Amino acid sequence: MTQAEKKAKELVYRFYHRFYPYNSIQPETVHIFEKAKECALICVDEKFKSINDAFGHTEMSIKLMKLSEAYKELTEVKKAIKKL
């Protein structure tokens, strides 16, 4: 399991346990898991916004932002969340 997959799983399960405080995923709770994934994706998008605000909105700053480790890591985490 990659670092991004691990972070994605932790983030989704953090939201999942807020909606369903028990430790297992039951067939009837699949919709809760999907809702947790949506919340995790929103969280990642908010982190993207904060990185974007820190770098600015010029063409050069956007290129630099996309080269940053934080941006690359968030991109991988977002992909991993979608795969769950």
N, C-alpha and C. Protein backbone atom coordinates (compact mmCIF):
# COMPACT_ATOMS: atom_id res chain seq x y z
N MET A 1 0.85 -1.17 0.00
CA MET A 1 0.00 0.00 0.00
C MET A 1 0.90 1.25 0.00
N THR A 2 0.64 2.14 -0.93
CA THR A 2 1.44 3.35 -1.03
C THR A 2 1.05 4.34 0.08
N GLN A 3 1.86 5.33 0.27
CA GLN A 3 1.58 6.37 1.26
C GLN A 3 0.28 7.10 0.93
N ALA A 4 0.05 7.39 -0.34
CA ALA A 4 -1.18 8.08 -0.75
C ALA A 4 -2.40 7.21 -0.47
N GLU A 5 -2.30 5.92 -0.75
CA GLU A 5 -3.43 5.01 -0.47
C GLU A 5 -3.72 4.94 1.02
N LYS A 6 -2.67 4.92 1.81
CA LYS A 6 -2.83 4.88 3.26
C LYS A 6 -3.52 6.15 3.76
N LYS A 7 -3.08 7.31 3.28
CA LYS A 7 -3.69 8.58 3.69
C LYS A 7 -5.14 8.67 3.22
N ALA A 8 -5.40 8.19 2.02
CA ALA A 8 -6.77 8.20 1.49
C ALA A 8 -7.68 7.35 2.36
N LYS A 9 -7.22 6.17 2.70
CA LYS A 9 -8.02 5.27 3.53
C LYS A 9 -8.27 5.88 4.91
N GLU A 10 -7.24 6.47 5.50
CA GLU A 10 -7.40 7.09 6.82
C GLU A 10 -8.42 8.23 6.77
N LEU A 11 -8.35 9.04 5.73
CA LEU A 11 -9.25 10.18 5.60
C LEU A 11 -10.70 9.72 5.41
N VAL A 12 -10.91 8.75 4.54
CA VAL A 12 -12.27 8.25 4.30
C VAL A 12 -12.82 7.62 5.57
N TYR A 13 -12.02 6.81 6.26
CA TYR A 13 -12.52 6.16 7.45
C TYR A 13 -12.75 7.15 8.60
N ARG A 14 -12.02 8.24 8.62
CA ARG A 14 -12.28 9.27 9.62
C ARG A 14 -13.71 9.81 9.45
N PHE A 15 -14.10 10.09 8.21
CA PHE A 15 -15.46 10.56 7.96
C PHE A 15 -16.47 9.44 8.14
N TYR A 16 -16.13 8.24 7.72
CA TYR A 16 -17.04 7.10 7.85
C TYR A 16 -17.44 6.90 9.31
N HIS A 17 -16.46 6.95 10.20
CA HIS A 17 -16.74 6.70 11.61
C HIS A 17 -17.51 7.84 12.26
N ARG A 18 -17.54 8.99 11.63
CA ARG A 18 -18.41 10.07 12.14
C ARG A 18 -19.86 9.77 11.80
N PHE A 19 -20.10 9.18 10.64
CA PHE A 19 -21.46 8.84 10.23
C PHE A 19 -21.94 7.54 10.86
N TYR A 20 -21.02 6.59 11.00
CA TYR A 20 -21.36 5.24 11.48
C TYR A 20 -20.28 4.83 12.46
N PRO A 21 -20.48 5.03 13.77
CA PRO A 21 -19.41 4.86 14.75
C PRO A 21 -18.99 3.43 15.05
N TYR A 22 -19.51 2.45 14.34
CA TYR A 22 -19.11 1.07 14.58
C TYR A 22 -17.91 0.72 13.70
N ASN A 23 -17.23 -0.36 14.00
CA ASN A 23 -15.95 -0.65 13.37
C ASN A 23 -16.00 -1.38 12.03
N SER A 24 -17.13 -1.89 11.63
CA SER A 24 -17.16 -2.66 10.39
C SER A 24 -18.07 -2.02 9.35
N ILE A 25 -17.84 -2.41 8.12
CA ILE A 25 -18.69 -1.94 7.03
C ILE A 25 -19.68 -3.05 6.71
N GLN A 26 -20.93 -2.78 6.89
CA GLN A 26 -21.99 -3.73 6.61
C GLN A 26 -22.63 -3.38 5.27
N PRO A 27 -23.27 -4.35 4.61
CA PRO A 27 -23.90 -4.05 3.31
C PRO A 27 -24.87 -2.87 3.37
N GLU A 28 -25.59 -2.73 4.48
CA GLU A 28 -26.55 -1.62 4.58
C GLU A 28 -25.88 -0.27 4.81
N THR A 29 -24.58 -0.27 5.07
CA THR A 29 -23.88 0.99 5.32
C THR A 29 -23.04 1.45 4.13
N VAL A 30 -23.21 0.80 2.99
CA VAL A 30 -22.43 1.17 1.80
C VAL A 30 -22.69 2.62 1.43
N HIS A 31 -23.94 3.07 1.53
CA HIS A 31 -24.23 4.48 1.22
C HIS A 31 -23.50 5.42 2.17
N ILE A 32 -23.28 5.00 3.41
CA ILE A 32 -22.53 5.82 4.36
C ILE A 32 -21.07 5.90 3.92
N PHE A 33 -20.54 4.78 3.44
CA PHE A 33 -19.16 4.76 2.95
C PHE A 33 -19.00 5.69 1.75
N GLU A 34 -19.96 5.68 0.85
CA GLU A 34 -19.91 6.57 -0.32
C GLU A 34 -19.97 8.04 0.12
N LYS A 35 -20.79 8.33 1.12
CA LYS A 35 -20.88 9.69 1.65
C LYS A 35 -19.55 10.09 2.29
N ALA A 36 -18.92 9.16 2.98
CA ALA A 36 -17.62 9.42 3.58
C ALA A 36 -16.57 9.72 2.51
N LYS A 37 -16.63 8.99 1.38
CA LYS A 37 -15.72 9.26 0.27
C LYS A 37 -15.94 10.66 -0.29
N GLU A 38 -17.21 11.05 -0.43
CA GLU A 38 -17.52 12.40 -0.91
C GLU A 38 -16.94 13.46 0.02
N CYS A 39 -17.10 13.26 1.32
CA CYS A 39 -16.56 14.21 2.30
C CYS A 39 -15.04 14.28 2.23
N ALA A 40 -14.40 13.13 2.06
CA ALA A 40 -12.93 13.09 1.95
C ALA A 40 -12.47 13.83 0.70
N LEU A 41 -13.21 13.68 -0.41
CA LEU A 41 -12.86 14.39 -1.64
C LEU A 41 -13.03 15.90 -1.47
N ILE A 42 -14.06 16.30 -0.76
CA ILE A 42 -14.25 17.73 -0.49
C ILE A 42 -13.09 18.26 0.35
N CYS A 43 -12.68 17.48 1.33
CA CYS A 43 -11.55 17.86 2.18
C CYS A 43 -10.28 18.07 1.34
N VAL A 44 -10.02 17.14 0.44
CA VAL A 44 -8.84 17.25 -0.43
C VAL A 44 -8.96 18.47 -1.34
N ASP A 45 -10.15 18.73 -1.87
CA ASP A 45 -10.35 19.91 -2.71
C ASP A 45 -10.10 21.20 -1.93
N GLU A 46 -10.49 21.23 -0.67
CA GLU A 46 -10.24 22.41 0.17
C GLU A 46 -8.74 22.60 0.39
N LYS A 47 -8.02 21.50 0.54
CA LYS A 47 -6.56 21.59 0.68
C LYS A 47 -5.93 22.10 -0.62
N PHE A 48 -6.47 21.67 -1.76
CA PHE A 48 -6.01 22.19 -3.05
C PHE A 48 -6.21 23.71 -3.11
N LYS A 49 -7.37 24.17 -2.66
CA LYS A 49 -7.65 25.61 -2.67
C LYS A 49 -6.64 26.37 -1.83
N SER A 50 -6.31 25.84 -0.67
CA SER A 50 -5.37 26.55 0.19
C SER A 50 -3.97 26.59 -0.43
N ILE A 51 -3.58 25.52 -1.10
CA ILE A 51 -2.28 25.53 -1.81
C ILE A 51 -2.33 26.55 -2.94
N ASN A 52 -3.43 26.55 -3.67
CA ASN A 52 -3.59 27.48 -4.78
C ASN A 52 -3.52 28.93 -4.30
N ASP A 53 -4.17 29.22 -3.17
CA ASP A 53 -4.13 30.57 -2.61
C ASP A 53 -2.73 30.96 -2.17
N ALA A 54 -1.97 29.99 -1.67
CA ALA A 54 -0.61 30.27 -1.22
C ALA A 54 0.32 30.59 -2.39
N PHE A 55 0.11 29.93 -3.52
CA PHE A 55 0.97 30.14 -4.68
C PHE A 55 0.53 31.32 -5.54
N GLY A 56 -0.73 31.64 -5.53
CA GLY A 56 -1.22 32.72 -6.38
C GLY A 56 -1.85 32.18 -7.65
N HIS A 57 -2.23 33.10 -8.52
CA HIS A 57 -3.02 32.70 -9.69
C HIS A 57 -2.36 33.07 -11.03
N THR A 58 -1.09 33.41 -11.01
CA THR A 58 -0.43 33.70 -12.28
C THR A 58 -0.05 32.38 -12.96
N GLU A 59 0.23 32.46 -14.24
CA GLU A 59 0.58 31.26 -15.00
C GLU A 59 1.83 30.58 -14.42
N MET A 60 2.82 31.37 -14.07
CA MET A 60 4.06 30.82 -13.53
C MET A 60 3.84 30.20 -12.15
N SER A 61 3.05 30.85 -11.32
CA SER A 61 2.82 30.31 -9.98
C SER A 61 2.01 29.01 -10.04
N ILE A 62 1.11 28.90 -11.00
CA ILE A 62 0.34 27.67 -11.17
C ILE A 62 1.26 26.53 -11.60
N LYS A 63 2.21 26.83 -12.48
CA LYS A 63 3.17 25.80 -12.89
C LYS A 63 4.02 25.36 -11.70
N LEU A 64 4.46 26.32 -10.89
CA LEU A 64 5.25 25.98 -9.70
C LEU A 64 4.43 25.17 -8.71
N MET A 65 3.18 25.54 -8.55
CA MET A 65 2.30 24.82 -7.63
C MET A 65 2.18 23.36 -8.05
N LYS A 66 2.01 23.11 -9.34
CA LYS A 66 1.85 21.75 -9.83
C LYS A 66 3.12 20.93 -9.68
N LEU A 67 4.25 21.59 -9.52
CA LEU A 67 5.50 20.89 -9.29
C LEU A 67 5.77 20.63 -7.81
N SER A 68 4.99 21.26 -6.94
CA SER A 68 5.23 21.13 -5.50
C SER A 68 4.87 19.73 -5.01
N GLU A 69 5.55 19.30 -3.96
CA GLU A 69 5.30 17.99 -3.39
C GLU A 69 3.90 17.89 -2.80
N ALA A 70 3.44 18.96 -2.16
CA ALA A 70 2.10 18.94 -1.56
C ALA A 70 1.04 18.72 -2.62
N TYR A 71 1.17 19.39 -3.75
CA TYR A 71 0.20 19.24 -4.84
C TYR A 71 0.22 17.82 -5.39
N LYS A 72 1.41 17.29 -5.60
CA LYS A 72 1.54 15.93 -6.13
C LYS A 72 0.95 14.91 -5.16
N GLU A 73 1.21 15.10 -3.87
CA GLU A 73 0.70 14.18 -2.86
C GLU A 73 -0.84 14.22 -2.81
N LEU A 74 -1.40 15.42 -2.85
CA LEU A 74 -2.85 15.55 -2.84
C LEU A 74 -3.49 14.92 -4.07
N THR A 75 -2.83 15.05 -5.20
CA THR A 75 -3.33 14.45 -6.44
C THR A 75 -3.39 12.93 -6.30
N GLU A 76 -2.34 12.35 -5.73
CA GLU A 76 -2.31 10.90 -5.53
C GLU A 76 -3.35 10.45 -4.51
N VAL A 77 -3.53 11.23 -3.44
CA VAL A 77 -4.53 10.89 -2.43
C VAL A 77 -5.93 10.94 -3.04
N LYS A 78 -6.19 11.94 -3.85
CA LYS A 78 -7.51 12.06 -4.49
C LYS A 78 -7.79 10.86 -5.40
N LYS A 79 -6.79 10.44 -6.17
CA LYS A 79 -6.96 9.27 -7.03
C LYS A 79 -7.23 8.01 -6.19
N ALA A 80 -6.52 7.90 -5.07
CA ALA A 80 -6.70 6.73 -4.21
C ALA A 80 -8.08 6.71 -3.56
N ILE A 81 -8.60 7.88 -3.20
CA ILE A 81 -9.95 7.95 -2.62
C ILE A 81 -10.97 7.48 -3.64
N LYS A 82 -10.82 7.92 -4.87
CA LYS A 82 -11.76 7.53 -5.91
C LYS A 82 -11.75 6.03 -6.18
N LYS A 83 -10.59 5.38 -5.96
CA LYS A 83 -10.48 3.94 -6.19
C LYS A 83 -11.11 3.11 -5.08
N LEU A 84 -11.27 3.69 -3.90
CA LEU A 84 -11.83 2.93 -2.77
C LEU A 84 -13.27 2.54 -3.03
